[in-house]
PDB file of N, CA and C in Angstrom:
ATOM      1  N   MET A   1      -2.020 274.788  78.741  1.00  0.00           N
ATOM      2  CA  MET A   1      -2.030 273.734  77.753  1.00  0.00           C
ATOM      3  C   MET A   1      -1.345 272.494  78.335  1.00  0.00           C
ATOM      4  N   SER A   2      -1.864 271.322  78.031  1.00  0.00           N
ATOM      5  CA  SER A   2      -1.298 270.065  78.509  1.00  0.00           C
ATOM      6  C   SER A   2      -0.007 269.745  77.793  1.00  0.00           C
ATOM      7  N   SER A   3       0.882 269.106  78.491  1.00  0.00           N
ATOM      8  CA  SER A   3       2.119 268.658  77.863  1.00  0.00           C
ATOM      9  C   SER A   3       1.827 267.425  77.014  1.00  0.00           C
ATOM     10  N   ASN A   4       2.766 267.115  76.130  1.00  0.00           N
ATOM     11  CA  ASN A   4       2.606 265.926  75.294  1.00  0.00           C
ATOM     12  C   ASN A   4       2.470 264.672  76.140  1.00  0.00           C
ATOM     13  N   ASN A   5       3.231 264.588  77.226  1.00  0.00           N
ATOM     14  CA  ASN A   5       3.163 263.411  78.090  1.00  0.00           C
ATOM     15  C   ASN A   5       1.784 263.269  78.723  1.00  0.00           C
ATOM     16  N   GLU A   6       1.202 264.359  79.161  1.00  0.00           N
ATOM     17  CA  GLU A   6      -0.137 264.305  79.758  1.00  0.00           C
ATOM     18  C   GLU A   6      -1.167 263.841  78.737  1.00  0.00           C
ATOM     19  N   ARG A   7      -1.027 264.293  77.509  1.00  0.00           N
ATOM     20  CA  ARG A   7      -1.948 263.868  76.451  1.00  0.00           C
ATOM     21  C   ARG A   7      -1.769 262.389  76.129  1.00  0.00           C
ATOM     22  N   THR A   8      -0.518 261.936  76.132  1.00  0.00           N
ATOM     23  CA  THR A   8      -0.241 260.527  75.866  1.00  0.00           C
ATOM     24  C   THR A   8      -0.867 259.648  76.940  1.00  0.00           C
ATOM     25  N   VAL A   9      -0.735 260.053  78.195  1.00  0.00           N
ATOM     26  CA  VAL A   9      -1.330 259.304  79.307  1.00  0.00           C
ATOM     27  C   VAL A   9      -2.854 259.343  79.209  1.00  0.00           C
ATOM     28  N   ALA A  10      -3.426 260.493  78.889  1.00  0.00           N
ATOM     29  CA  ALA A  10      -4.879 260.618  78.760  1.00  0.00           C
ATOM     30  C   ALA A  10      -5.399 259.727  77.634  1.00  0.00           C
ATOM     31  N   LEU A  11      -4.673 259.675  76.525  1.00  0.00           N
ATOM     32  CA  LEU A  11      -5.071 258.814  75.413  1.00  0.00           C
ATOM     33  C   LEU A  11      -5.030 257.346  75.839  1.00  0.00           C
ATOM     34  N   GLY A  12      -3.987 256.973  76.569  1.00  0.00           N
ATOM     35  CA  GLY A  12      -3.877 255.603  77.063  1.00  0.00           C
ATOM     36  C   GLY A  12      -5.019 255.233  77.989  1.00  0.00           C
ATOM     37  N   ASN A  13      -5.385 256.150  78.860  1.00  0.00           N
ATOM     38  CA  ASN A  13      -6.508 255.911  79.772  1.00  0.00           C
ATOM     39  C   ASN A  13      -7.808 255.731  79.001  1.00  0.00           C
ATOM     40  N   ARG A  14      -7.994 256.543  77.976  1.00  0.00           N
ATOM     41  CA  ARG A  14      -9.214 256.446  77.156  1.00  0.00           C
ATOM     42  C   ARG A  14      -9.244 255.138  76.377  1.00  0.00           C
ATOM     43  N   LEU A  15      -8.096 254.739  75.847  1.00  0.00           N
ATOM     44  CA  LEU A  15      -8.010 253.479  75.116  1.00  0.00           C
ATOM     45  C   LEU A  15      -8.396 252.309  76.025  1.00  0.00           C
ATOM     46  N   LYS A  16      -7.869 252.309  77.240  1.00  0.00           N
ATOM     47  CA  LYS A  16      -8.181 251.240  78.194  1.00  0.00           C
ATOM     48  C   LYS A  16      -9.661 251.258  78.561  1.00  0.00           C
ATOM     49  N   GLU A  17     -10.205 252.448  78.763  1.00  0.00           N
ATOM     50  CA  GLU A  17     -11.624 252.584  79.100  1.00  0.00           C
ATOM     51  C   GLU A  17     -12.495 251.986  77.998  1.00  0.00           C
ATOM     52  N   LEU A  18     -12.194 252.321  76.753  1.00  0.00           N
ATOM     53  CA  LEU A  18     -12.980 251.804  75.628  1.00  0.00           C
ATOM     54  C   LEU A  18     -12.788 250.297  75.455  1.00  0.00           C
ATOM     55  N   ARG A  19     -11.563 249.830  75.654  1.00  0.00           N
ATOM     56  CA  ARG A  19     -11.296 248.387  75.550  1.00  0.00           C
ATOM     57  C   ARG A  19     -12.117 247.627  76.582  1.00  0.00           C
ATOM     58  N   ASN A  20     -12.125 248.116  77.807  1.00  0.00           N
ATOM     59  CA  ASN A  20     -12.904 247.467  78.864  1.00  0.00           C
ATOM     60  C   ASN A  20     -14.399 247.550  78.599  1.00  0.00           C
ATOM     61  N   LYS A  21     -14.856 248.675  78.080  1.00  0.00           N
ATOM     62  CA  LYS A  21     -16.277 248.857  77.767  1.00  0.00           C
ATOM     63  C   LYS A  21     -16.755 247.812  76.765  1.00  0.00           C
ATOM     64  N   HIS A  22     -15.870 247.448  75.852  1.00  0.00           N
ATOM     65  CA  HIS A  22     -16.213 246.476  74.814  1.00  0.00           C
ATOM     66  C   HIS A  22     -15.763 245.057  75.169  1.00  0.00           C
ATOM     67  N   ASN A  23     -15.401 244.869  76.444  1.00  0.00           N
ATOM     68  CA  ASN A  23     -15.020 243.551  76.963  1.00  0.00           C
ATOM     69  C   ASN A  23     -13.918 242.883  76.145  1.00  0.00           C
ATOM     70  N   LEU A  24     -12.923 243.670  75.770  1.00  0.00           N
ATOM     71  CA  LEU A  24     -11.784 243.144  75.029  1.00  0.00           C
ATOM     72  C   LEU A  24     -10.575 243.025  75.946  1.00  0.00           C
ATOM     73  N   THR A  25      -9.804 241.991  75.730  1.00  0.00           N
ATOM     74  CA  THR A  25      -8.514 241.887  76.401  1.00  0.00           C
ATOM     75  C   THR A  25      -7.510 242.717  75.609  1.00  0.00           C
ATOM     76  N   ILE A  26      -6.347 242.919  76.180  1.00  0.00           N
ATOM     77  CA  ILE A  26      -5.293 243.615  75.441  1.00  0.00           C
ATOM     78  C   ILE A  26      -4.961 242.831  74.177  1.00  0.00           C
ATOM     79  N   THR A  27      -4.879 241.509  74.304  1.00  0.00           N
ATOM     80  CA  THR A  27      -4.577 240.668  73.144  1.00  0.00           C
ATOM     81  C   THR A  27      -5.684 240.755  72.101  1.00  0.00           C
ATOM     82  N   GLY A  28      -6.930 240.749  72.543  1.00  0.00           N
ATOM     83  CA  GLY A  28      -8.055 240.857  71.616  1.00  0.00           C
ATOM     84  C   GLY A  28      -8.049 242.173  70.862  1.00  0.00           C
ATOM     85  N   LEU A  29      -7.790 243.260  71.562  1.00  0.00           N
ATOM     86  CA  LEU A  29      -7.727 244.565  70.903  1.00  0.00           C
ATOM     87  C   LEU A  29      -6.568 244.611  69.925  1.00  0.00           C
ATOM     88  N   ALA A  30      -5.441 244.042  70.326  1.00  0.00           N
ATOM     89  CA  ALA A  30      -4.269 244.016  69.449  1.00  0.00           C
ATOM     90  C   ALA A  30      -4.577 243.274  68.154  1.00  0.00           C
ATOM     91  N   GLU A  31      -5.290 242.157  68.251  1.00  0.00           N
ATOM     92  CA  GLU A  31      -5.661 241.398  67.058  1.00  0.00           C
ATOM     93  C   GLU A  31      -6.567 242.214  66.148  1.00  0.00           C
ATOM     94  N   VAL A  32      -7.536 242.915  66.729  1.00  0.00           N
ATOM     95  CA  VAL A  32      -8.448 243.754  65.944  1.00  0.00           C
ATOM     96  C   VAL A  32      -7.682 244.861  65.223  1.00  0.00           C
ATOM     97  N   LEU A  33      -6.718 245.464  65.924  1.00  0.00           N
ATOM     98  CA  LEU A  33      -5.963 246.585  65.367  1.00  0.00           C
ATOM     99  C   LEU A  33      -4.798 246.149  64.485  1.00  0.00           C
ATOM    100  N   GLY A  34      -4.412 244.888  64.579  1.00  0.00           N
ATOM    101  CA  GLY A  34      -3.283 244.396  63.802  1.00  0.00           C
ATOM    102  C   GLY A  34      -1.937 244.866  64.336  1.00  0.00           C
ATOM    103  N   ILE A  35      -1.855 245.010  65.662  1.00  0.00           N
ATOM    104  CA  ILE A  35      -0.601 245.412  66.309  1.00  0.00           C
ATOM    105  C   ILE A  35      -0.304 244.428  67.434  1.00  0.00           C
ATOM    106  N   SER A  36       0.873 244.516  68.014  1.00  0.00           N
ATOM    107  CA  SER A  36       1.232 243.576  69.077  1.00  0.00           C
ATOM    108  C   SER A  36       0.529 243.935  70.389  1.00  0.00           C
ATOM    109  N   HIS A  37       0.319 242.898  71.206  1.00  0.00           N
ATOM    110  CA  HIS A  37      -0.327 243.142  72.500  1.00  0.00           C
ATOM    111  C   HIS A  37       0.572 243.988  73.401  1.00  0.00           C
ATOM    112  N   SER A  38       1.882 243.844  73.242  1.00  0.00           N
ATOM    113  CA  SER A  38       2.783 244.650  74.073  1.00  0.00           C
ATOM    114  C   SER A  38       2.672 246.132  73.715  1.00  0.00           C
ATOM    115  N   TYR A  39       2.473 246.437  72.433  1.00  0.00           N
ATOM    116  CA  TYR A  39       2.317 247.834  72.020  1.00  0.00           C
ATOM    117  C   TYR A  39       1.032 248.426  72.602  1.00  0.00           C
ATOM    118  N   VAL A  40      -0.040 247.650  72.609  1.00  0.00           N
ATOM    119  CA  VAL A  40      -1.291 248.122  73.223  1.00  0.00           C
ATOM    120  C   VAL A  40      -1.052 248.430  74.700  1.00  0.00           C
ATOM    121  N   GLY A  41      -0.341 247.552  75.381  1.00  0.00           N
ATOM    122  CA  GLY A  41      -0.027 247.781  76.791  1.00  0.00           C
ATOM    123  C   GLY A  41       0.775 249.047  77.001  1.00  0.00           C
ATOM    124  N   PHE A  42       1.772 249.266  76.150  1.00  0.00           N
ATOM    125  CA  PHE A  42       2.574 250.489  76.242  1.00  0.00           C
ATOM    126  C   PHE A  42       1.711 251.725  76.000  1.00  0.00           C
ATOM    127  N   LEU A  43       0.806 251.647  75.027  1.00  0.00           N
ATOM    128  CA  LEU A  43      -0.083 252.781  74.750  1.00  0.00           C
ATOM    129  C   LEU A  43      -0.964 253.079  75.956  1.00  0.00           C
ATOM    130  N   GLU A  44      -1.530 252.043  76.548  1.00  0.00           N
ATOM    131  CA  GLU A  44      -2.407 252.244  77.701  1.00  0.00           C
ATOM    132  C   GLU A  44      -1.662 252.839  78.890  1.00  0.00           C
ATOM    133  N   LYS A  45      -0.418 252.467  79.054  1.00  0.00           N
ATOM    134  CA  LYS A  45       0.381 252.997  80.163  1.00  0.00           C
ATOM    135  C   LYS A  45       0.939 254.380  79.862  1.00  0.00           C
ATOM    136  N   GLY A  46       0.852 254.798  78.614  1.00  0.00           N
ATOM    137  CA  GLY A  46       1.390 256.101  78.236  1.00  0.00           C
ATOM    138  C   GLY A  46       2.897 256.107  78.085  1.00  0.00           C
ATOM    139  N   THR A  47       3.483 254.920  77.891  1.00  0.00           N
ATOM    140  CA  THR A  47       4.935 254.852  77.745  1.00  0.00           C
ATOM    141  C   THR A  47       5.385 254.836  76.293  1.00  0.00           C
ATOM    142  N   ARG A  48       4.437 254.772  75.359  1.00  0.00           N
ATOM    143  CA  ARG A  48       4.748 254.845  73.938  1.00  0.00           C
ATOM    144  C   ARG A  48       3.838 255.880  73.304  1.00  0.00           C
ATOM    145  N   LYS A  49       4.407 256.636  72.390  1.00  0.00           N
ATOM    146  CA  LYS A  49       3.601 257.597  71.645  1.00  0.00           C
ATOM    147  C   LYS A  49       2.946 256.898  70.467  1.00  0.00           C
ATOM    148  N   VAL A  50       1.843 257.439  70.029  1.00  0.00           N
ATOM    149  CA  VAL A  50       1.098 256.870  68.904  1.00  0.00           C
ATOM    150  C   VAL A  50       1.826 257.155  67.620  1.00  0.00           C
TER     151      VAL A  50
END
């Protein structure tokens, strides 16, 4: 079974993949989601939990 950290990193990688697929910047995605761009960056890097 994967550790929580591995899942967090995998989720971040998937988020970045989908953001790029839809040609969104981190700031653009943050605006759509109603969260800060720094939080999106932390999520993509796997340094913040959801």
